[in-house]
């Protein structure tokens, strides 16, 4: 595996990062004219990053040098060209031919290209598509920290992030909630603002005026208590200004049953008694559902014997006990 640390920058990346994109093109063009062997060696260095390959692609395509690209570079350009053309049947055909290496190529694009901020346009669309393909098609959530970094980097510059945010949440991984909560600890005001915007579906963010440190703790405890009952809703900024990508299944929290993150359906088979209790719970209003589900969760953790007695009481009796113990507050 190539080393992508700053100390291992390829020759072309050193030119790009120290002297700019135009100088990179001029530098590479000089060797294309005078020393083709050197140009081939430069473009095929193991530690080359995606931004440099992306920038030099027009020059590569205008010369016979494209026949001498290494396998990685050939595969990258074939995949990104298919993405840019929006020809997904071609992308599927290429990825099948590449085989098991396709995910590692997409990750290489993201990992080596995440810090580049001056290209935009097609470049950003490629990164968005690679993110979405990795999490949806390959179920590779290991890339989420990188996707998160790109979201924050773009947001600091006022660039478009909605497609990338959608790809991030399409992972259907509730752990992405805490990845975003880390942004509340940032010294950059824009990081804090976007974290709050993306996590506004959480009650303690939407309705809280606490400072960022206390808000982070509130999110942590909310996440810890609700993790088994969270499910993905598929809501995004393309659909509404304040989406709720994850919601808590109140019925499952009330019954203390884990749900499928894909659809919010309780994973285990319920007994006839549990189905009866669930049906009664589903017939009450949302405010009381929230109260009962929170109290049920607390009581179950404290004393499962008392919980088993309580949950078999009539709902009216359950509400009296929950209100008395929780002071009528919604947690």
Protein backbone atom coordinates (compact mmCIF):
# COMPACT_ATOMS: atom_id res chain seq x y z
CA UNK A 1 0.00 0.00 0.00
CA UNK A 2 1.49 3.37 -1.00
CA UNK A 3 2.35 5.84 1.77
CA UNK A 4 0.23 8.99 1.48
CA UNK A 5 1.80 10.94 4.34
CA UNK A 6 3.03 14.50 3.55
CA UNK A 7 6.65 13.35 3.63
CA UNK A 8 5.96 10.87 0.84
CA UNK A 9 4.44 13.28 -1.70
CA UNK A 10 5.15 12.38 -5.29
CA UNK A 11 7.28 14.70 -7.39
CA UNK A 12 4.21 16.01 -9.21
CA UNK A 13 2.31 16.57 -5.96
CA UNK A 14 5.22 18.54 -4.54
CA UNK A 15 5.12 20.83 -7.58
CA UNK A 16 1.33 21.20 -7.32
CA UNK A 17 1.21 21.94 -3.60
CA UNK A 18 4.20 24.32 -3.57
CA UNK A 19 3.83 26.10 -6.92
CA UNK A 20 0.17 25.69 -7.94
CA UNK A 21 -1.91 23.88 -10.53
CA UNK A 22 -0.71 25.89 -13.54
CA UNK A 23 2.93 25.24 -12.71
CA UNK A 24 2.12 21.53 -12.38
CA UNK A 25 0.76 21.52 -15.93
CA UNK A 26 3.77 23.44 -17.24
CA UNK A 27 6.22 21.18 -15.41
CA UNK A 28 4.64 17.99 -16.77
CA UNK A 29 4.28 19.41 -20.29
CA UNK A 30 8.00 20.16 -20.37
CA UNK A 31 8.80 16.49 -19.92
CA UNK A 32 6.12 15.42 -22.39
CA UNK A 33 8.01 17.46 -25.01
CA UNK A 34 11.58 16.67 -24.04
CA UNK A 35 11.67 13.40 -22.04
CA UNK A 36 8.67 11.10 -22.45
CA UNK A 37 10.27 8.38 -20.35
CA UNK A 38 10.59 10.82 -17.43
CA UNK A 39 6.98 11.95 -17.88
CA UNK A 40 5.78 8.34 -17.73
CA UNK A 41 7.85 7.74 -14.62
CA UNK A 42 6.43 10.84 -12.91
CA UNK A 43 2.78 10.08 -13.62
CA UNK A 44 3.17 6.47 -12.48
CA UNK A 45 4.82 7.17 -9.13
CA UNK A 46 3.18 5.08 -6.40
CA UNK A 47 2.58 8.12 -4.17
CA UNK A 48 0.85 10.23 -6.81
CA UNK A 49 -2.45 11.66 -5.54
CA UNK A 50 -5.75 11.89 -7.36
CA UNK A 51 -5.80 15.73 -7.71
CA UNK A 52 -2.58 15.69 -9.75
CA UNK A 53 -3.82 12.85 -11.97
CA UNK A 54 -7.12 14.68 -12.44
CA UNK A 55 -5.41 17.92 -13.43
CA UNK A 56 -3.04 16.25 -15.88
CA UNK A 57 -5.65 14.04 -17.55
CA UNK A 58 -6.20 16.44 -20.51
CA UNK A 59 -2.48 16.37 -21.32
CA UNK A 60 -2.36 12.60 -20.91
CA UNK A 61 -5.29 12.12 -23.30
CA UNK A 62 -3.71 14.32 -25.99
CA UNK A 63 -0.53 12.25 -26.17
CA UNK A 64 0.39 8.56 -26.59
CA UNK A 65 1.47 8.53 -22.93
CA UNK A 66 -1.97 7.22 -21.92
CA UNK A 67 -0.90 3.81 -23.25
CA UNK A 68 1.86 3.69 -20.64
CA UNK A 69 -0.15 4.51 -17.54
CA UNK A 70 0.11 2.00 -14.73
CA UNK A 71 -2.93 -0.15 -13.91
CA UNK A 72 -4.08 2.06 -11.05
CA UNK A 73 -4.10 5.23 -13.15
CA UNK A 74 -5.84 3.54 -16.08
CA UNK A 75 -8.55 2.18 -13.82
CA UNK A 76 -9.01 5.51 -12.03
CA UNK A 77 -9.46 7.42 -15.29
CA UNK A 78 -11.86 4.82 -16.71
CA UNK A 79 -14.03 4.95 -13.57
CA UNK A 80 -14.01 8.74 -13.25
CA UNK A 81 -14.81 9.20 -16.94
CA UNK A 82 -17.81 6.90 -16.52
CA UNK A 83 -18.89 8.91 -13.46
CA UNK A 84 -18.55 12.22 -15.31
CA UNK A 85 -20.55 10.94 -18.26
CA UNK A 86 -23.26 9.71 -15.87
CA UNK A 87 -23.10 6.43 -17.75
CA UNK A 88 -23.63 4.10 -14.83
CA UNK A 89 -24.04 1.02 -16.96
CA UNK A 90 -20.55 1.71 -18.29
CA UNK A 91 -19.34 2.28 -14.72
CA UNK A 92 -20.79 -1.10 -13.71
CA UNK A 93 -19.15 -2.77 -16.70
CA UNK A 94 -15.73 -1.24 -15.87
CA UNK A 95 -16.02 -2.02 -12.15
CA UNK A 96 -16.88 -5.67 -12.95
CA UNK A 97 -13.76 -5.91 -15.12
CA UNK A 98 -11.62 -4.32 -12.42
CA UNK A 99 -13.18 -6.66 -9.86
CA UNK A 100 -12.30 -6.51 -6.19
CA UNK A 101 -9.96 -3.56 -6.73
CA UNK A 102 -12.79 -1.12 -7.44
CA UNK A 103 -13.48 -0.18 -3.78
CA UNK A 104 -9.77 0.39 -3.08
CA UNK A 105 -9.53 2.65 -6.15
CA UNK A 106 -12.55 4.69 -5.03
CA UNK A 107 -11.04 4.98 -1.54
CA UNK A 108 -7.72 6.07 -3.07
CA UNK A 109 -9.54 8.87 -4.91
CA UNK A 110 -11.20 10.07 -1.70
CA UNK A 111 -8.26 9.63 0.66
CA UNK A 112 -5.72 11.34 -1.57
CA UNK A 113 -8.15 13.92 -2.91
CA UNK A 114 -10.02 15.04 0.20
CA UNK A 115 -7.87 18.09 0.98
CA UNK A 116 -7.90 19.62 -2.51
CA UNK A 117 -10.18 22.65 -2.48
CA UNK A 118 -9.50 24.64 -5.64
CA UNK A 119 -10.89 22.38 -8.38
CA UNK A 120 -14.66 22.18 -7.70
CA UNK A 121 -17.10 21.34 -10.51
CA UNK A 122 -16.43 17.90 -11.97
CA UNK A 123 -13.86 17.17 -9.30
CA UNK A 124 -16.36 17.60 -6.45
CA UNK A 125 -18.95 15.52 -8.31
CA UNK A 126 -16.42 12.69 -8.62
CA UNK A 127 -15.76 12.71 -4.89
CA UNK A 128 -19.51 12.82 -4.15
CA UNK A 129 -20.14 9.84 -6.44
CA UNK A 130 -17.23 7.81 -5.06
CA UNK A 131 -18.58 8.37 -1.54
CA UNK A 132 -22.09 7.29 -2.49
CA UNK A 133 -20.93 4.22 -4.41
CA UNK A 134 -18.72 3.06 -1.55
CA UNK A 135 -21.42 3.32 1.13
CA UNK A 136 -24.39 2.16 -0.97
CA UNK A 137 -22.97 -0.43 -3.32
CA UNK A 138 -20.00 -1.73 -1.33
CA UNK A 139 -21.32 -1.10 2.21
CA UNK A 140 -17.90 0.31 3.11
CA UNK A 141 -18.46 2.59 6.09
CA UNK A 142 -14.75 2.78 6.85
CA UNK A 143 -14.64 5.78 4.49
CA UNK A 144 -17.09 7.83 6.60
CA UNK A 145 -14.41 9.80 8.54
CA UNK A 146 -12.94 10.91 5.20
CA UNK A 147 -16.37 11.89 3.85
CA UNK A 148 -17.02 13.84 7.03
CA UNK A 149 -13.74 15.73 6.60
CA UNK A 150 -14.67 16.67 3.03
CA UNK A 151 -18.08 17.95 4.21
CA UNK A 152 -16.45 20.22 6.79
CA UNK A 153 -13.71 21.38 4.41
CA UNK A 154 -16.24 22.38 1.76
CA UNK A 155 -18.57 24.02 4.23
CA UNK A 156 -15.76 26.27 5.52
CA UNK A 157 -15.40 27.56 1.96
CA UNK A 158 -19.14 27.97 1.40
CA UNK A 159 -19.27 25.19 -1.20
CA UNK A 160 -22.17 22.83 -1.96
CA UNK A 161 -22.39 19.88 0.45
CA UNK A 162 -25.93 18.48 0.14
CA UNK A 163 -25.04 15.55 -2.15
CA UNK A 164 -22.10 14.61 0.04
CA UNK A 165 -24.21 14.83 3.21
CA UNK A 166 -26.75 12.55 1.56
CA UNK A 167 -24.00 10.04 0.74
CA UNK A 168 -22.76 10.28 4.34
CA UNK A 169 -26.17 9.44 5.83
CA UNK A 170 -26.85 6.80 3.17
CA UNK A 171 -24.35 4.66 5.07
CA UNK A 172 -27.28 4.02 7.43
CA UNK A 173 -24.73 3.91 10.22
CA UNK A 174 -25.98 5.67 13.37
CA UNK A 175 -22.34 6.13 14.44
CA UNK A 176 -22.12 8.95 11.89
CA UNK A 177 -24.16 10.99 14.39
CA UNK A 178 -21.27 11.09 16.85
CA UNK A 179 -18.82 11.82 14.02
CA UNK A 180 -20.78 15.00 13.36
CA UNK A 181 -21.09 15.77 17.07
CA UNK A 182 -17.28 16.00 17.20
CA UNK A 183 -17.63 19.15 15.11
CA UNK A 184 -19.09 20.90 18.15
CA UNK A 185 -15.61 20.78 19.68
CA UNK A 186 -14.02 22.60 16.75
CA UNK A 187 -12.44 26.04 17.10
CA UNK A 188 -13.92 26.94 13.71
CA UNK A 189 -17.34 28.58 14.05
CA UNK A 190 -18.48 27.14 10.71
CA UNK A 191 -17.77 23.59 11.91
CA UNK A 192 -19.95 24.18 14.95
CA UNK A 193 -22.75 25.69 12.86
CA UNK A 194 -22.87 22.87 10.31
CA UNK A 195 -22.75 20.26 13.09
CA UNK A 196 -25.82 21.81 14.70
CA UNK A 197 -27.60 22.06 11.35
CA UNK A 198 -26.96 18.41 10.45
CA UNK A 199 -27.92 17.19 13.94
CA UNK A 200 -30.98 19.36 14.35
CA UNK A 201 -33.22 16.28 14.31
CA UNK A 202 -31.94 15.43 17.80
CA UNK A 203 -34.17 17.04 20.47
CA UNK A 204 -31.28 18.24 22.63
CA UNK A 205 -29.85 20.13 19.62
CA UNK A 206 -33.11 21.53 18.28
CA UNK A 207 -34.41 22.78 21.62
CA UNK A 208 -31.22 23.44 23.57
CA UNK A 209 -29.39 26.67 24.38
CA UNK A 210 -26.52 25.01 26.24
CA UNK A 211 -22.93 25.72 25.27
CA UNK A 212 -21.24 23.43 22.77
CA UNK A 213 -19.48 21.29 25.38
CA UNK A 214 -22.70 20.54 27.25
CA UNK A 215 -24.54 20.05 23.99
CA UNK A 216 -21.98 17.44 22.93
CA UNK A 217 -22.54 15.58 26.21
CA UNK A 218 -26.31 15.75 25.71
CA UNK A 219 -25.94 14.22 22.24
CA UNK A 220 -23.63 11.54 23.62
CA UNK A 221 -26.14 10.46 26.27
CA UNK A 222 -29.07 10.66 23.83
CA UNK A 223 -27.14 8.52 21.36
CA UNK A 224 -26.12 5.99 24.00
CA UNK A 225 -29.70 5.57 25.21
CA UNK A 226 -31.34 5.45 21.78
CA UNK A 227 -28.79 3.60 19.66
CA UNK A 228 -30.65 0.22 19.61
CA UNK A 229 -33.87 1.96 18.56
CA UNK A 230 -32.57 4.24 15.79
CA UNK A 231 -33.53 3.70 12.17
CA UNK A 232 -32.75 5.48 8.90
CA UNK A 233 -35.59 7.50 7.34
CA UNK A 234 -34.00 8.33 3.96
CA UNK A 235 -34.79 12.04 4.44
CA UNK A 236 -32.29 14.48 2.92
CA UNK A 237 -31.75 18.18 2.19
CA UNK A 238 -32.91 17.51 -1.37
CA UNK A 239 -36.36 16.83 0.09
CA UNK A 240 -36.76 19.29 2.96
CA UNK A 241 -34.81 22.10 4.69
CA UNK A 242 -34.61 20.29 8.03
CA UNK A 243 -34.46 16.54 7.38
CA UNK A 244 -34.44 13.86 10.08
CA UNK A 245 -32.20 11.16 8.62
CA UNK A 246 -32.51 9.06 11.79
CA UNK A 247 -35.44 8.68 14.13
CA UNK A 248 -36.12 6.76 17.31
CA UNK A 249 -38.69 3.99 17.16
CA UNK A 250 -40.68 4.83 20.28
CA UNK A 251 -42.57 1.53 20.22
CA UNK A 252 -39.35 -0.48 20.20
CA UNK A 253 -37.89 1.63 23.01
CA UNK A 254 -41.08 1.12 24.98
CA UNK A 255 -40.85 -2.65 24.50
CA UNK A 256 -37.04 -2.55 24.85
CA UNK A 257 -36.55 -4.32 21.52
CA UNK A 258 -33.81 -3.59 19.00
CA UNK A 259 -34.92 -2.43 15.54
CA UNK A 260 -33.47 -2.82 12.07
CA UNK A 261 -31.69 0.41 11.15
CA UNK A 262 -32.95 -0.03 7.58
CA UNK A 263 -36.68 0.17 8.27
CA UNK A 264 -37.37 0.61 12.00
CA UNK A 265 -39.00 -2.83 12.31
CA UNK A 266 -38.32 -4.76 15.50
CA UNK A 267 -35.84 -7.49 14.67
CA UNK A 268 -37.10 -10.19 17.04
CA UNK A 269 -40.44 -11.92 16.72
CA UNK A 270 -42.98 -10.54 19.19
CA UNK A 271 -45.26 -12.70 21.31
CA UNK A 272 -49.02 -12.25 21.14
CA UNK A 273 -48.86 -10.38 24.44
CA UNK A 274 -46.13 -8.05 23.15
CA UNK A 275 -48.12 -7.42 19.96
CA UNK A 276 -51.16 -6.52 22.06
CA UNK A 277 -49.11 -4.12 24.18
CA UNK A 278 -47.55 -2.59 21.06
CA UNK A 279 -50.96 -2.01 19.46
CA UNK A 280 -52.23 -0.22 22.55
CA UNK A 281 -49.08 1.91 22.66
CA UNK A 282 -49.43 2.86 18.99
CA UNK A 283 -52.97 4.13 19.61
CA UNK A 284 -51.94 6.91 22.03
CA UNK A 285 -50.72 10.41 21.12
CA UNK A 286 -47.07 11.24 20.40
CA UNK A 287 -46.49 13.17 23.62
CA UNK A 288 -47.52 10.22 25.76
CA UNK A 289 -45.61 7.79 23.53
CA UNK A 290 -42.47 9.76 24.21
CA UNK A 291 -43.12 9.86 27.93
CA UNK A 292 -43.85 6.13 28.18
CA UNK A 293 -40.94 5.05 25.98
CA UNK A 294 -38.47 7.09 28.01
CA UNK A 295 -39.78 5.87 31.33
CA UNK A 296 -39.91 2.27 30.09
CA UNK A 297 -36.26 2.49 29.05
CA UNK A 298 -35.19 3.90 32.42
CA UNK A 299 -37.20 1.38 34.45
CA UNK A 300 -36.00 -1.58 32.36
CA UNK A 301 -32.40 -0.61 33.06
CA UNK A 302 -33.05 -0.13 36.77
CA UNK A 303 -35.24 -3.11 37.64
CA UNK A 304 -36.50 -5.53 35.00
CA UNK A 305 -38.90 -7.17 37.52
CA UNK A 306 -40.64 -3.85 38.24
CA UNK A 307 -40.60 -3.07 34.50
CA UNK A 308 -42.36 -6.33 33.67
CA UNK A 309 -45.12 -5.51 36.17
CA UNK A 310 -45.42 -1.90 35.01
CA UNK A 311 -45.71 -2.63 31.30
CA UNK A 312 -48.61 -5.00 31.90
CA UNK A 313 -50.60 -2.29 33.66
CA UNK A 314 -53.28 -0.37 31.73
CA UNK A 315 -51.79 2.56 29.82
CA UNK A 316 -53.60 5.05 32.03
CA UNK A 317 -51.85 3.54 35.07
CA UNK A 318 -48.51 3.48 33.27
CA UNK A 319 -48.87 7.19 32.49
CA UNK A 320 -49.67 8.06 36.11
CA UNK A 321 -46.55 6.24 37.32
CA UNK A 322 -44.33 7.68 34.55
CA UNK A 323 -45.55 11.25 35.21
CA UNK A 324 -45.01 10.88 38.94
CA UNK A 325 -41.51 9.49 38.53
CA UNK A 326 -40.40 11.84 35.75
CA UNK A 327 -42.28 14.86 36.99
CA UNK A 328 -44.33 14.94 33.83
CA UNK A 329 -41.29 16.04 31.84
CA UNK A 330 -40.34 14.75 28.43
CA UNK A 331 -36.74 13.52 28.34
